[in-house]
Amino acid sequence: MSATIERNLRLYPPYQAARSSAFWLPVFFLYFSSRFSVAEVLLLEAIYYCAVVVLEVPSGYLSDRLGRRPTLLVATAAWTLGYVALAIGGPWWAFAAGQVAIAAGMAFNSGTDSAMVFDSLAALGRGHELAAVEGRAQSWGAFSMAGAALVGGLLASFDLRSGHALSAIGAAVGFGLAWSLREPERTRVAERPAAQLRAVVSTLRDGALRWVFLFAVAMT
């Protein structure tokens, strides 16, 4: 059993690299505005952010109830479908549907990936390694995002859709890696969403965390 859980830790950095392959990032506004008016493009972005907010708490609750692996499979499948929809193109409503799917991928992945690592390390009795394992994986993700943005920007000179097409491939690789994960045992039962939300809000009493939170909101 420990060997299969150990595999989660080996697959986690490649998973972060695959899911962070945002080839679309530097050119998505150019791509959208080549097909729609600025008002329609901004509405597409508003739909994305609203969907992330709406899905964030339910996705976390499902992660606690159904498990980390199924939730990551939903996330990577949603990302793949969303990127494919945007790469294919079509009418405005198809782009809106793609944005909702990408937002679902973001919400279902958010926190679940870290929780998978936390649960895996706890099951192995190695919880003290969390910062090192998470830091290494996030560095893989950062390098992947930077490289993907550079490549995506260059390829967009030939076709603005290429960024989303390549990101769909990255998300599909992420799906394959998530499929290979094994669900670790958990010792705690998930609390209801309202209780979890109160616990999250209570952590903002920490001054440093409050400043980080405000910075993230302002940056977004």
Protein backbone atom coordinates (compact mmCIF):
# COMPACT_ATOMS: atom_id res chain seq x y z
CA MET A 1 0.00 0.00 0.00
CA SER A 2 2.80 2.42 0.90
CA ALA A 3 4.40 1.91 -2.52
CA THR A 4 1.22 2.97 -4.33
CA ILE A 5 0.85 6.05 -2.12
CA GLU A 6 4.53 6.85 -2.66
CA ARG A 7 3.75 7.02 -6.37
CA ASN A 8 1.44 9.98 -5.70
CA LEU A 9 4.46 11.96 -4.55
CA ARG A 10 6.41 11.07 -7.69
CA LEU A 11 3.53 11.99 -9.99
CA TYR A 12 2.68 15.26 -8.26
CA PRO A 13 5.42 17.48 -9.82
CA PRO A 14 4.67 16.27 -13.39
CA TYR A 15 0.97 16.80 -12.67
CA GLN A 16 1.63 20.40 -11.67
CA ALA A 17 3.70 20.92 -14.81
CA ALA A 18 0.98 19.48 -17.05
CA ARG A 19 -1.88 21.40 -15.52
CA SER A 20 0.16 24.65 -15.58
CA SER A 21 0.92 24.47 -19.31
CA ALA A 22 -0.94 27.69 -20.08
CA PHE A 23 0.12 28.19 -23.69
CA TRP A 24 -2.95 30.41 -24.15
CA LEU A 25 -2.05 32.90 -21.42
CA PRO A 26 -0.21 35.63 -23.38
CA VAL A 27 -2.58 35.71 -26.34
CA PHE A 28 -6.08 34.80 -25.17
CA PHE A 29 -7.31 38.41 -25.25
CA LEU A 30 -6.02 38.85 -28.79
CA TYR A 31 -7.70 35.60 -29.80
CA PHE A 32 -11.03 36.50 -28.23
CA SER A 33 -11.01 40.06 -29.54
CA SER A 34 -10.28 38.80 -33.06
CA ARG A 35 -13.70 37.15 -32.98
CA PHE A 36 -15.84 39.30 -30.69
CA SER A 37 -16.26 42.88 -29.53
CA VAL A 38 -14.40 44.12 -26.45
CA ALA A 39 -17.66 44.10 -24.46
CA GLU A 40 -18.26 40.45 -25.40
CA VAL A 41 -14.67 39.54 -24.50
CA LEU A 42 -14.97 41.17 -21.07
CA LEU A 43 -18.26 39.35 -20.53
CA LEU A 44 -16.47 36.06 -21.27
CA GLU A 45 -13.92 36.90 -18.59
CA ALA A 46 -16.68 37.85 -16.14
CA ILE A 47 -18.36 34.50 -16.77
CA TYR A 48 -15.09 32.72 -16.01
CA TYR A 49 -14.51 34.49 -12.70
CA CYS A 50 -18.14 34.16 -11.59
CA ALA A 51 -18.06 30.43 -12.35
CA VAL A 52 -14.85 29.98 -10.32
CA VAL A 53 -16.42 31.74 -7.33
CA VAL A 54 -19.66 29.77 -7.55
CA LEU A 55 -17.91 26.40 -7.92
CA GLU A 56 -15.08 26.90 -5.42
CA VAL A 57 -16.90 25.84 -2.23
CA PRO A 58 -18.97 22.97 -3.73
CA SER A 59 -15.87 21.56 -5.41
CA GLY A 60 -13.97 21.59 -2.13
CA TYR A 61 -16.84 19.84 -0.38
CA LEU A 62 -16.97 17.16 -3.09
CA SER A 63 -13.22 16.72 -2.77
CA ASP A 64 -13.66 15.97 0.92
CA ARG A 65 -16.63 13.69 0.37
CA LEU A 66 -15.85 11.85 -2.89
CA GLY A 67 -12.06 11.86 -2.67
CA ARG A 68 -9.04 13.67 -4.08
CA ARG A 69 -8.48 11.48 -7.14
CA PRO A 70 -12.06 11.69 -8.53
CA THR A 71 -12.06 15.46 -8.03
CA LEU A 72 -8.76 15.86 -9.88
CA LEU A 73 -10.11 13.70 -12.70
CA VAL A 74 -13.12 16.01 -12.98
CA ALA A 75 -10.81 19.05 -12.96
CA THR A 76 -8.50 17.82 -15.71
CA ALA A 77 -11.39 16.54 -17.82
CA ALA A 78 -13.12 19.93 -17.54
CA TRP A 79 -9.91 21.72 -18.49
CA THR A 80 -9.43 19.47 -21.51
CA LEU A 81 -12.99 19.97 -22.75
CA GLY A 82 -12.84 23.72 -22.16
CA TYR A 83 -9.57 24.17 -24.04
CA VAL A 84 -10.79 22.00 -26.91
CA ALA A 85 -13.99 24.07 -27.17
CA LEU A 86 -12.01 27.31 -27.36
CA ALA A 87 -9.49 25.88 -29.83
CA ILE A 88 -12.29 24.74 -32.14
CA GLY A 89 -14.01 28.09 -31.90
CA GLY A 90 -17.59 28.74 -32.91
CA PRO A 91 -20.27 31.19 -31.75
CA TRP A 92 -20.00 33.28 -28.58
CA TRP A 93 -22.04 30.84 -26.48
CA ALA A 94 -19.53 28.07 -27.30
CA PHE A 95 -16.73 30.25 -25.93
CA ALA A 96 -18.84 30.96 -22.85
CA ALA A 97 -19.32 27.22 -22.31
CA GLY A 98 -15.57 26.73 -22.70
CA GLN A 99 -14.90 29.42 -20.12
CA VAL A 100 -17.25 27.72 -17.64
CA ALA A 101 -15.49 24.38 -18.21
CA ILE A 102 -12.06 25.95 -17.64
CA ALA A 103 -13.38 27.64 -14.50
CA ALA A 104 -14.65 24.26 -13.29
CA GLY A 105 -11.19 22.82 -13.84
CA MET A 106 -9.65 25.61 -11.78
CA ALA A 107 -12.18 25.27 -8.95
CA PHE A 108 -12.06 21.47 -8.72
CA ASN A 109 -8.25 21.45 -8.77
CA SER A 110 -7.93 24.31 -6.30
CA GLY A 111 -6.81 22.90 -2.96
CA THR A 112 -7.51 19.33 -3.98
CA ASP A 113 -4.03 18.85 -5.43
CA SER A 114 -2.39 20.05 -2.20
CA ALA A 115 -4.81 18.00 -0.13
CA MET A 116 -3.84 14.91 -2.12
CA VAL A 117 -0.19 15.46 -1.19
CA PHE A 118 -1.03 16.23 2.43
CA ASP A 119 -3.13 13.06 2.78
CA SER A 120 -0.49 10.97 1.02
CA LEU A 121 2.31 12.20 3.29
CA ALA A 122 0.11 11.75 6.37
CA ALA A 123 -0.63 8.16 5.34
CA LEU A 124 3.12 7.54 5.04
CA GLY A 125 3.86 9.24 8.35
CA ARG A 126 5.90 11.93 6.59
CA GLY A 127 3.76 15.01 7.12
CA HIS A 128 6.83 17.11 7.97
CA GLU A 129 7.89 16.91 4.30
CA LEU A 130 4.84 18.82 3.02
CA ALA A 131 6.59 22.16 2.43
CA ALA A 132 9.48 20.55 0.55
CA VAL A 133 7.24 18.38 -1.64
CA GLU A 134 4.81 21.21 -2.37
CA GLY A 135 7.62 23.67 -3.08
CA ARG A 136 9.28 21.32 -5.56
CA ALA A 137 6.02 20.65 -7.37
CA GLN A 138 5.11 24.35 -7.54
CA SER A 139 8.52 25.08 -9.06
CA TRP A 140 7.76 22.54 -11.78
CA GLY A 141 4.46 24.33 -12.36
CA ALA A 142 6.10 27.77 -12.50
CA PHE A 143 8.75 26.67 -15.01
CA SER A 144 6.08 24.94 -17.08
CA MET A 145 3.87 28.03 -17.14
CA ALA A 146 6.76 30.30 -18.12
CA GLY A 147 7.93 28.00 -20.91
CA ALA A 148 4.39 27.42 -22.17
CA ALA A 149 3.69 31.16 -22.26
CA LEU A 150 6.82 31.75 -24.32
CA VAL A 151 6.02 28.96 -26.78
CA GLY A 152 2.35 29.95 -26.94
CA GLY A 153 3.22 33.53 -27.75
CA LEU A 154 5.55 32.48 -30.56
CA LEU A 155 3.10 30.00 -32.10
CA ALA A 156 0.28 32.54 -31.94
CA SER A 157 2.09 34.39 -34.72
CA PHE A 158 0.84 31.60 -36.98
CA ASP A 159 -2.49 30.71 -35.39
CA LEU A 160 -4.12 32.34 -32.36
CA ARG A 161 -5.96 29.09 -31.58
CA SER A 162 -2.75 27.15 -31.04
CA GLY A 163 -2.42 28.22 -27.40
CA HIS A 164 -5.68 26.59 -26.36
CA ALA A 165 -5.00 23.54 -28.53
CA LEU A 166 -1.64 22.92 -26.85
CA SER A 167 -3.14 23.57 -23.42
CA ALA A 168 -5.75 20.91 -24.16
CA ILE A 169 -2.91 18.43 -24.71
CA GLY A 170 -1.33 19.47 -21.41
CA ALA A 171 -4.66 19.05 -19.59
CA ALA A 172 -5.12 15.61 -21.17
CA VAL A 173 -1.66 14.61 -19.89
CA GLY A 174 -2.77 15.88 -16.48
CA PHE A 175 -5.84 13.66 -16.71
CA GLY A 176 -3.64 10.64 -17.38
CA LEU A 177 -1.43 11.47 -14.39
CA ALA A 178 -4.48 11.98 -12.15
CA TRP A 179 -5.81 8.61 -13.31
CA SER A 180 -2.58 6.99 -12.09
CA LEU A 181 -2.92 8.46 -8.59
CA ARG A 182 -4.16 6.35 -5.69
CA GLU A 183 -6.65 7.66 -3.15
CA PRO A 184 -4.93 7.97 0.24
CA GLU A 185 -6.76 7.18 3.45
CA ARG A 186 -8.07 10.11 5.46
CA THR A 187 -8.56 10.17 9.20
CA ARG A 188 -10.96 13.13 9.39
CA VAL A 189 -14.52 13.47 8.15
CA ALA A 190 -15.26 16.57 6.09
CA GLU A 191 -17.22 19.35 7.72
CA ARG A 192 -20.15 20.97 5.95
CA PRO A 193 -19.40 23.89 3.59
CA ALA A 194 -20.74 26.55 6.02
CA ALA A 195 -18.44 25.31 8.78
CA GLN A 196 -15.49 25.19 6.39
CA LEU A 197 -16.20 28.74 5.23
CA ARG A 198 -16.29 30.00 8.84
CA ALA A 199 -12.96 28.29 9.49
CA VAL A 200 -11.41 29.92 6.42
CA VAL A 201 -12.68 33.38 7.40
CA SER A 202 -11.35 32.92 10.94
CA THR A 203 -7.82 32.42 9.60
CA LEU A 204 -7.85 36.01 8.29
CA ARG A 205 -7.20 37.12 11.87
CA ASP A 206 -3.57 36.38 11.05
CA GLY A 207 -2.09 39.70 9.91
CA ALA A 208 0.37 38.25 7.39
CA LEU A 209 -2.26 36.04 5.81
CA ARG A 210 -4.67 38.97 5.63
CA TRP A 211 -2.13 41.03 3.65
CA VAL A 212 -1.45 38.12 1.28
CA PHE A 213 -5.20 37.73 0.76
CA LEU A 214 -5.68 41.42 -0.02
CA PHE A 215 -2.70 41.38 -2.41
CA ALA A 216 -4.11 38.37 -4.28
CA VAL A 217 -7.54 40.01 -4.60
CA ALA A 218 -6.03 43.31 -5.79
CA MET A 219 -3.77 41.53 -8.29
CA THR A 220 -6.72 39.60 -9.74
